[in-house]
Amino acid sequence: FHDFFRRYKPPTLIVWGRHDPFFTVQG
């Protein structure tokens, strides 16, 4: 997945609920 990001550079929007107890803001 990381190689895909670096190679193809898709325009990316990230919206993140910061209080998510499962997937953290570090992710």
PDB file of all heavy atoms in Angstrom:
ATOM      1  N   PHE A   1       0.837  -1.198   0.000  1.00  0.00           N
ATOM      2  CA  PHE A   1       0.000   0.000   0.000  1.00  0.00           C
ATOM      3  C   PHE A   1       0.876   1.254   0.000  1.00  0.00           C
ATOM      4  O   PHE A   1       0.626   2.207  -0.752  1.00  0.00           O
ATOM      5  CB  PHE A   1      -0.906   0.036   1.237  1.00  0.00           C
ATOM      6  CG  PHE A   1      -1.928  -1.065   1.325  1.00  0.00           C
ATOM      7  CD1 PHE A   1      -2.541  -1.353   2.535  1.00  0.00           C
ATOM      8  CD2 PHE A   1      -2.294  -1.803   0.215  1.00  0.00           C
ATOM      9  CE1 PHE A   1      -3.499  -2.345   2.639  1.00  0.00           C
ATOM     10  CE2 PHE A   1      -3.255  -2.822   0.300  1.00  0.00           C
ATOM     11  CZ  PHE A   1      -3.847  -3.087   1.528  1.00  0.00           C
ATOM     12  N   HIS A   2       1.927   1.242   0.828  1.00  0.00           N
ATOM     13  CA  HIS A   2       2.803   2.416   0.928  1.00  0.00           C
ATOM     14  C   HIS A   2       3.526   2.657  -0.392  1.00  0.00           C
ATOM     15  O   HIS A   2       3.703   3.817  -0.804  1.00  0.00           O
ATOM     16  CB  HIS A   2       3.816   2.215   2.058  1.00  0.00           C
ATOM     17  CG  HIS A   2       3.182   1.877   3.370  1.00  0.00           C
ATOM     18  ND1 HIS A   2       3.875   1.300   4.411  1.00  0.00           N
ATOM     19  CD2 HIS A   2       1.897   2.045   3.817  1.00  0.00           C
ATOM     20  CE1 HIS A   2       3.053   1.108   5.428  1.00  0.00           C
ATOM     21  NE2 HIS A   2       1.860   1.550   5.093  1.00  0.00           N
ATOM     22  N   ASP A   3       3.926   1.592  -1.054  1.00  0.00           N
ATOM     23  CA  ASP A   3       4.572   1.734  -2.353  1.00  0.00           C
ATOM     24  C   ASP A   3       3.600   2.331  -3.375  1.00  0.00           C
ATOM     25  O   ASP A   3       3.998   3.173  -4.190  1.00  0.00           O
ATOM     26  CB  ASP A   3       5.086   0.376  -2.832  1.00  0.00           C
ATOM     27  CG  ASP A   3       5.792   0.469  -4.173  1.00  0.00           C
ATOM     28  OD1 ASP A   3       6.882   1.062  -4.226  1.00  0.00           O
ATOM     29  OD2 ASP A   3       5.242  -0.042  -5.183  1.00  0.00           O
ATOM     30  N   PHE A   4       2.348   1.918  -3.314  1.00  0.00           N
ATOM     31  CA  PHE A   4       1.331   2.507  -4.198  1.00  0.00           C
ATOM     32  C   PHE A   4       1.216   4.010  -3.946  1.00  0.00           C
ATOM     33  O   PHE A   4       1.174   4.806  -4.895  1.00  0.00           O
ATOM     34  CB  PHE A   4      -0.018   1.823  -3.974  1.00  0.00           C
ATOM     35  CG  PHE A   4      -1.185   2.578  -4.556  1.00  0.00           C
ATOM     36  CD1 PHE A   4      -1.458   2.529  -5.912  1.00  0.00           C
ATOM     37  CD2 PHE A   4      -2.005   3.370  -3.742  1.00  0.00           C
ATOM     38  CE1 PHE A   4      -2.523   3.244  -6.456  1.00  0.00           C
ATOM     39  CE2 PHE A   4      -3.064   4.076  -4.275  1.00  0.00           C
ATOM     40  CZ  PHE A   4      -3.327   4.008  -5.637  1.00  0.00           C
ATOM     41  N   PHE A   5       1.183   4.409  -2.680  1.00  0.00           N
ATOM     42  CA  PHE A   5       1.083   5.839  -2.373  1.00  0.00           C
ATOM     43  C   PHE A   5       2.257   6.604  -2.975  1.00  0.00           C
ATOM     44  O   PHE A   5       2.077   7.649  -3.617  1.00  0.00           O
ATOM     45  CB  PHE A   5       1.078   6.063  -0.857  1.00  0.00           C
ATOM     46  CG  PHE A   5      -0.070   5.428  -0.119  1.00  0.00           C
ATOM     47  CD1 PHE A   5       0.081   5.047   1.213  1.00  0.00           C
ATOM     48  CD2 PHE A   5      -1.295   5.213  -0.726  1.00  0.00           C
ATOM     49  CE1 PHE A   5      -0.964   4.475   1.912  1.00  0.00           C
ATOM     50  CE2 PHE A   5      -2.355   4.633  -0.040  1.00  0.00           C
ATOM     51  CZ  PHE A   5      -2.178   4.257   1.296  1.00  0.00           C
ATOM     52  N   ARG A   6       3.476   6.089  -2.749  1.00  0.00           N
ATOM     53  CA  ARG A   6       4.675   6.804  -3.213  1.00  0.00           C
ATOM     54  C   ARG A   6       4.775   6.812  -4.731  1.00  0.00           C
ATOM     55  O   ARG A   6       5.198   7.810  -5.332  1.00  0.00           O
ATOM     56  CB  ARG A   6       5.926   6.165  -2.614  1.00  0.00           C
ATOM     57  CG  ARG A   6       6.066   6.336  -1.105  1.00  0.00           C
ATOM     58  CD  ARG A   6       7.425   5.865  -0.633  1.00  0.00           C
ATOM     59  NE  ARG A   6       7.635   4.445  -0.890  1.00  0.00           N
ATOM     60  CZ  ARG A   6       7.375   3.468  -0.027  1.00  0.00           C
ATOM     61  NH1 ARG A   6       6.867   3.757   1.158  1.00  0.00           N
ATOM     62  NH2 ARG A   6       7.621   2.217  -0.341  1.00  0.00           N
ATOM     63  N   ARG A   7       4.393   5.722  -5.347  1.00  0.00           N
ATOM     64  CA  ARG A   7       4.579   5.587  -6.793  1.00  0.00           C
ATOM     65  C   ARG A   7       3.535   6.365  -7.583  1.00  0.00           C
ATOM     66  O   ARG A   7       3.855   7.032  -8.574  1.00  0.00           O
ATOM     67  CB  ARG A   7       4.533   4.111  -7.173  1.00  0.00           C
ATOM     68  CG  ARG A   7       4.783   3.837  -8.640  1.00  0.00           C
ATOM     69  CD  ARG A   7       4.835   2.335  -8.904  1.00  0.00           C
ATOM     70  NE  ARG A   7       5.079   2.036 -10.302  1.00  0.00           N
ATOM     71  CZ  ARG A   7       5.089   0.799 -10.816  1.00  0.00           C
ATOM     72  NH1 ARG A   7       4.876  -0.249 -10.025  1.00  0.00           N
ATOM     73  NH2 ARG A   7       5.310   0.612 -12.095  1.00  0.00           N
ATOM     74  N   TYR A   8       2.270   6.298  -7.153  1.00  0.00           N
ATOM     75  CA  TYR A   8       1.195   6.890  -7.955  1.00  0.00           C
ATOM     76  C   TYR A   8       0.723   8.234  -7.410  1.00  0.00           C
ATOM     77  O   TYR A   8       0.043   8.982  -8.120  1.00  0.00           O
ATOM     78  CB  TYR A   8       0.022   5.906  -8.057  1.00  0.00           C
ATOM     79  CG  TYR A   8       0.382   4.699  -8.889  1.00  0.00           C
ATOM     80  CD1 TYR A   8       0.819   3.523  -8.287  1.00  0.00           C
ATOM     81  CD2 TYR A   8       0.329   4.739 -10.280  1.00  0.00           C
ATOM     82  CE1 TYR A   8       1.182   2.414  -9.042  1.00  0.00           C
ATOM     83  CE2 TYR A   8       0.680   3.639 -11.050  1.00  0.00           C
ATOM     84  CZ  TYR A   8       1.112   2.480 -10.426  1.00  0.00           C
ATOM     85  OH  TYR A   8       1.476   1.393 -11.182  1.00  0.00           O
ATOM     86  N   LYS A   9       1.038   8.542  -6.160  1.00  0.00           N
ATOM     87  CA  LYS A   9       0.732   9.843  -5.572  1.00  0.00           C
ATOM     88  C   LYS A   9      -0.710  10.289  -5.820  1.00  0.00           C
ATOM     89  O   LYS A   9      -0.961  11.386  -6.342  1.00  0.00           O
ATOM     90  CB  LYS A   9       1.695  10.905  -6.094  1.00  0.00           C
ATOM     91  CG  LYS A   9       3.162  10.640  -5.771  1.00  0.00           C
ATOM     92  CD  LYS A   9       4.059  11.726  -6.360  1.00  0.00           C
ATOM     93  CE  LYS A   9       5.508  11.526  -5.955  1.00  0.00           C
ATOM     94  NZ  LYS A   9       6.066  10.250  -6.437  1.00  0.00           N
ATOM     95  N   PRO A  10      -1.687   9.474  -5.456  1.00  0.00           N
ATOM     96  CA  PRO A  10      -3.073   9.919  -5.666  1.00  0.00           C
ATOM     97  C   PRO A  10      -3.375  11.144  -4.821  1.00  0.00           C
ATOM     98  O   PRO A  10      -2.975  11.216  -3.647  1.00  0.00           O
ATOM     99  CB  PRO A  10      -3.897   8.712  -5.185  1.00  0.00           C
ATOM    100  CG  PRO A  10      -3.007   8.020  -4.196  1.00  0.00           C
ATOM    101  CD  PRO A  10      -1.613   8.187  -4.730  1.00  0.00           C
ATOM    102  N   PRO A  11      -4.045  12.145  -5.379  1.00  0.00           N
ATOM    103  CA  PRO A  11      -4.504  13.261  -4.538  1.00  0.00           C
ATOM    104  C   PRO A  11      -5.308  12.703  -3.372  1.00  0.00           C
ATOM    105  O   PRO A  11      -6.219  11.886  -3.564  1.00  0.00           O
ATOM    106  CB  PRO A  11      -5.373  14.081  -5.490  1.00  0.00           C
ATOM    107  CG  PRO A  11      -4.852  13.754  -6.862  1.00  0.00           C
ATOM    108  CD  PRO A  11      -4.449  12.318  -6.792  1.00  0.00           C
ATOM    109  N   THR A  12      -4.973  13.122  -2.153  1.00  0.00           N
ATOM    110  CA  THR A  12      -5.516  12.463  -0.971  1.00  0.00           C
ATOM    111  C   THR A  12      -6.074  13.460   0.031  1.00  0.00           C
ATOM    112  O   THR A  12      -5.420  14.443   0.371  1.00  0.00           O
ATOM    113  CB  THR A  12      -4.419  11.605  -0.289  1.00  0.00           C
ATOM    114  OG1 THR A  12      -3.956  10.621  -1.213  1.00  0.00           O
ATOM    115  CG2 THR A  12      -4.951  10.920   0.958  1.00  0.00           C
ATOM    116  N   LEU A  13      -7.293  13.163   0.476  1.00  0.00           N
ATOM    117  CA  LEU A  13      -7.949  13.889   1.563  1.00  0.00           C
ATOM    118  C   LEU A  13      -8.122  12.910   2.718  1.00  0.00           C
ATOM    119  O   LEU A  13      -8.647  11.804   2.535  1.00  0.00           O
ATOM    120  CB  LEU A  13      -9.313  14.405   1.110  1.00  0.00           C
ATOM    121  CG  LEU A  13     -10.235  14.964   2.198  1.00  0.00           C
ATOM    122  CD1 LEU A  13      -9.665  16.255   2.787  1.00  0.00           C
ATOM    123  CD2 LEU A  13     -11.640  15.195   1.646  1.00  0.00           C
ATOM    124  N   ILE A  14      -7.674  13.310   3.918  1.00  0.00           N
ATOM    125  CA  ILE A  14      -7.839  12.491   5.111  1.00  0.00           C
ATOM    126  C   ILE A  14      -8.709  13.254   6.099  1.00  0.00           C
ATOM    127  O   ILE A  14      -8.394  14.392   6.466  1.00  0.00           O
ATOM    128  CB  ILE A  14      -6.480  12.171   5.764  1.00  0.00           C
ATOM    129  CG1 ILE A  14      -5.552  11.476   4.762  1.00  0.00           C
ATOM    130  CG2 ILE A  14      -6.670  11.288   7.003  1.00  0.00           C
ATOM    131  CD1 ILE A  14      -4.107  11.384   5.228  1.00  0.00           C
ATOM    132  N   VAL A  15      -9.826  12.661   6.511  1.00  0.00           N
ATOM    133  CA  VAL A  15     -10.675  13.225   7.569  1.00  0.00           C
ATOM    134  C   VAL A  15     -10.756  12.167   8.661  1.00  0.00           C
ATOM    135  O   VAL A  15     -11.076  11.012   8.398  1.00  0.00           O
ATOM    136  CB  VAL A  15     -12.070  13.618   7.039  1.00  0.00           C
ATOM    137  CG1 VAL A  15     -11.975  14.842   6.151  1.00  0.00           C
ATOM    138  CG2 VAL A  15     -12.744  12.483   6.285  1.00  0.00           C
ATOM    139  N   TRP A  16     -10.454  12.544   9.887  1.00  0.00           N
ATOM    140  CA  TRP A  16     -10.230  11.546  10.932  1.00  0.00           C
ATOM    141  C   TRP A  16     -10.892  11.949  12.236  1.00  0.00           C
ATOM    142  O   TRP A  16     -10.601  13.016  12.790  1.00  0.00           O
ATOM    143  CB  TRP A  16      -8.721  11.402  11.158  1.00  0.00           C
ATOM    144  CG  TRP A  16      -8.296  10.074  11.699  1.00  0.00           C
ATOM    145  CD1 TRP A  16      -8.267   9.694  13.014  1.00  0.00           C
ATOM    146  CD2 TRP A  16      -7.821   8.955  10.945  1.00  0.00           C
ATOM    147  NE1 TRP A  16      -7.803   8.404  13.119  1.00  0.00           N
ATOM    148  CE2 TRP A  16      -7.509   7.922  11.865  1.00  0.00           C
ATOM    149  CE3 TRP A  16      -7.611   8.727   9.586  1.00  0.00           C
ATOM    150  CZ2 TRP A  16      -7.025   6.680  11.455  1.00  0.00           C
ATOM    151  CZ3 TRP A  16      -7.120   7.497   9.183  1.00  0.00           C
ATOM    152  CH2 TRP A  16      -6.838   6.486  10.116  1.00  0.00           C
ATOM    153  N   GLY A  17     -11.783  11.106  12.723  1.00  0.00           N
ATOM    154  CA  GLY A  17     -12.336  11.306  14.057  1.00  0.00           C
ATOM    155  C   GLY A  17     -11.255  11.057  15.092  1.00  0.00           C
ATOM    156  O   GLY A  17     -10.812   9.927  15.272  1.00  0.00           O
ATOM    157  N   ARG A  18     -10.836  12.090  15.773  1.00  0.00           N
ATOM    158  CA  ARG A  18      -9.642  12.003  16.617  1.00  0.00           C
ATOM    159  C   ARG A  18      -9.859  11.180  17.879  1.00  0.00           C
ATOM    160  O   ARG A  18      -8.904  10.794  18.553  1.00  0.00           O
ATOM    161  CB  ARG A  18      -9.125  13.392  16.965  1.00  0.00           C
ATOM    162  CG  ARG A  18     -10.024  14.237  17.818  1.00  0.00           C
ATOM    163  CD  ARG A  18      -9.394  15.604  18.113  1.00  0.00           C
ATOM    164  NE  ARG A  18      -8.053  15.460  18.636  1.00  0.00           N
ATOM    165  CZ  ARG A  18      -6.929  15.836  17.996  1.00  0.00           C
ATOM    166  NH1 ARG A  18      -7.023  16.396  16.801  1.00  0.00           N
ATOM    167  NH2 ARG A  18      -5.760  15.667  18.544  1.00  0.00           N
ATOM    168  N   HIS A  19     -11.108  10.877  18.243  1.00  0.00           N
ATOM    169  CA  HIS A  19     -11.384  10.099  19.446  1.00  0.00           C
ATOM    170  C   HIS A  19     -11.647   8.626  19.126  1.00  0.00           C
ATOM    171  O   HIS A  19     -12.143   7.900  20.001  1.00  0.00           O
ATOM    172  CB  HIS A  19     -12.584  10.692  20.197  1.00  0.00           C
ATOM    173  CG  HIS A  19     -12.409  12.129  20.563  1.00  0.00           C
ATOM    174  ND1 HIS A  19     -11.424  12.570  21.433  1.00  0.00           N
ATOM    175  CD2 HIS A  19     -13.084  13.243  20.157  1.00  0.00           C
ATOM    176  CE1 HIS A  19     -11.511  13.885  21.561  1.00  0.00           C
ATOM    177  NE2 HIS A  19     -12.506  14.310  20.800  1.00  0.00           N
ATOM    178  N   ASP A  20     -11.329   8.205  17.937  1.00  0.00           N
ATOM    179  CA  ASP A  20     -11.526   6.810  17.534  1.00  0.00           C
ATOM    180  C   ASP A  20     -10.713   5.902  18.455  1.00  0.00           C
ATOM    181  O   ASP A  20      -9.481   6.010  18.503  1.00  0.00           O
ATOM    182  CB  ASP A  20     -11.078   6.638  16.080  1.00  0.00           C
ATOM    183  CG  ASP A  20     -11.440   5.288  15.496  1.00  0.00           C
ATOM    184  OD1 ASP A  20     -11.588   4.310  16.264  1.00  0.00           O
ATOM    185  OD2 ASP A  20     -11.559   5.200  14.259  1.00  0.00           O
ATOM    186  N   PRO A  21     -11.351   4.973  19.193  1.00  0.00           N
ATOM    187  CA  PRO A  21     -10.582   4.104  20.083  1.00  0.00           C
ATOM    188  C   PRO A  21      -9.948   2.920  19.376  1.00  0.00           C
ATOM    189  O   PRO A  21      -9.192   2.172  19.998  1.00  0.00           O
ATOM    190  CB  PRO A  21     -11.639   3.622  21.085  1.00  0.00           C
ATOM    191  CG  PRO A  21     -12.905   3.620  20.297  1.00  0.00           C
ATOM    192  CD  PRO A  21     -12.797   4.785  19.342  1.00  0.00           C
ATOM    193  N   PHE A  22     -10.227   2.759  18.097  1.00  0.00           N
ATOM    194  CA  PHE A  22      -9.720   1.608  17.340  1.00  0.00           C
ATOM    195  C   PHE A  22      -8.586   2.003  16.396  1.00  0.00           C
ATOM    196  O   PHE A  22      -7.546   1.347  16.355  1.00  0.00           O
ATOM    197  CB  PHE A  22     -10.863   0.963  16.550  1.00  0.00           C
ATOM    198  CG  PHE A  22     -12.096   0.740  17.372  1.00  0.00           C
ATOM    199  CD1 PHE A  22     -13.231   1.534  17.198  1.00  0.00           C
ATOM    200  CD2 PHE A  22     -12.128  -0.245  18.357  1.00  0.00           C
ATOM    201  CE1 PHE A  22     -14.362   1.337  17.964  1.00  0.00           C
ATOM    202  CE2 PHE A  22     -13.261  -0.452  19.127  1.00  0.00           C
ATOM    203  CZ  PHE A  22     -14.387   0.343  18.935  1.00  0.00           C
ATOM    204  N   PHE A  23      -8.783   3.076  15.637  1.00  0.00           N
ATOM    205  CA  PHE A  23      -7.776   3.580  14.701  1.00  0.00           C
ATOM    206  C   PHE A  23      -7.338   4.961  15.187  1.00  0.00           C
ATOM    207  O   PHE A  23      -8.106   5.924  15.130  1.00  0.00           O
ATOM    208  CB  PHE A  23      -8.334   3.659  13.281  1.00  0.00           C
ATOM    209  CG  PHE A  23      -8.690   2.325  12.690  1.00  0.00           C
ATOM    210  CD1 PHE A  23      -9.883   2.150  12.011  1.00  0.00           C
ATOM    211  CD2 PHE A  23      -7.832   1.242  12.801  1.00  0.00           C
ATOM    212  CE1 PHE A  23     -10.214   0.916  11.455  1.00  0.00           C
ATOM    213  CE2 PHE A  23      -8.149   0.006  12.247  1.00  0.00           C
ATOM    214  CZ  PHE A  23      -9.346  -0.151  11.585  1.00  0.00           C
ATOM    215  N   THR A  24      -6.106   5.063  15.643  1.00  0.00           N
ATOM    216  CA  THR A  24      -5.640   6.257  16.338  1.00  0.00           C
ATOM    217  C   THR A  24      -5.200   7.351  15.375  1.00  0.00           C
ATOM    218  O   THR A  24      -4.989   7.108  14.176  1.00  0.00           O
ATOM    219  CB  THR A  24      -4.462   5.906  17.255  1.00  0.00           C
ATOM    220  OG1 THR A  24      -3.324   5.572  16.430  1.00  0.00           O
ATOM    221  CG2 THR A  24      -4.787   4.730  18.151  1.00  0.00           C
ATOM    222  N   VAL A  25      -4.998   8.548  15.932  1.00  0.00           N
ATOM    223  CA  VAL A  25      -4.518   9.664  15.122  1.00  0.00           C
ATOM    224  C   VAL A  25      -3.115   9.393  14.581  1.00  0.00           C
ATOM    225  O   VAL A  25      -2.722   9.964  13.556  1.00  0.00           O
ATOM    226  CB  VAL A  25      -4.543  10.976  15.926  1.00  0.00           C
ATOM    227  CG1 VAL A  25      -5.966  11.372  16.247  1.00  0.00           C
ATOM    228  CG2 VAL A  25      -3.711  10.869  17.193  1.00  0.00           C
ATOM    229  N   GLN A  26      -2.352   8.525  15.240  1.00  0.00           N
ATOM    230  CA  GLN A  26      -1.032   8.168  14.703  1.00  0.00           C
ATOM    231  C   GLN A  26      -1.170   7.493  13.336  1.00  0.00           C
ATOM    232  O   GLN A  26      -0.317   7.654  12.467  1.00  0.00           O
ATOM    233  CB  GLN A  26      -0.290   7.253  15.671  1.00  0.00           C
ATOM    234  CG  GLN A  26       0.230   7.949  16.923  1.00  0.00           C
ATOM    235  CD  GLN A  26      -0.851   8.192  17.959  1.00  0.00           C
ATOM    236  OE1 GLN A  26      -1.932   7.610  17.891  1.00  0.00           O
ATOM    237  NE2 GLN A  26      -0.555   9.042  18.942  1.00  0.00           N
ATOM    238  N   GLY A  27      -2.263   6.764  13.156  1.00  0.00           N
ATOM    239  CA  GLY A  27      -2.513   6.159  11.856  1.00  0.00           C
ATOM    240  C   GLY A  27      -2.823   7.181  10.787  1.00  0.00           C
ATOM    241  O   GLY A  27      -2.458   7.011   9.622  1.00  0.00           O
TER     242      GLY A  27
END
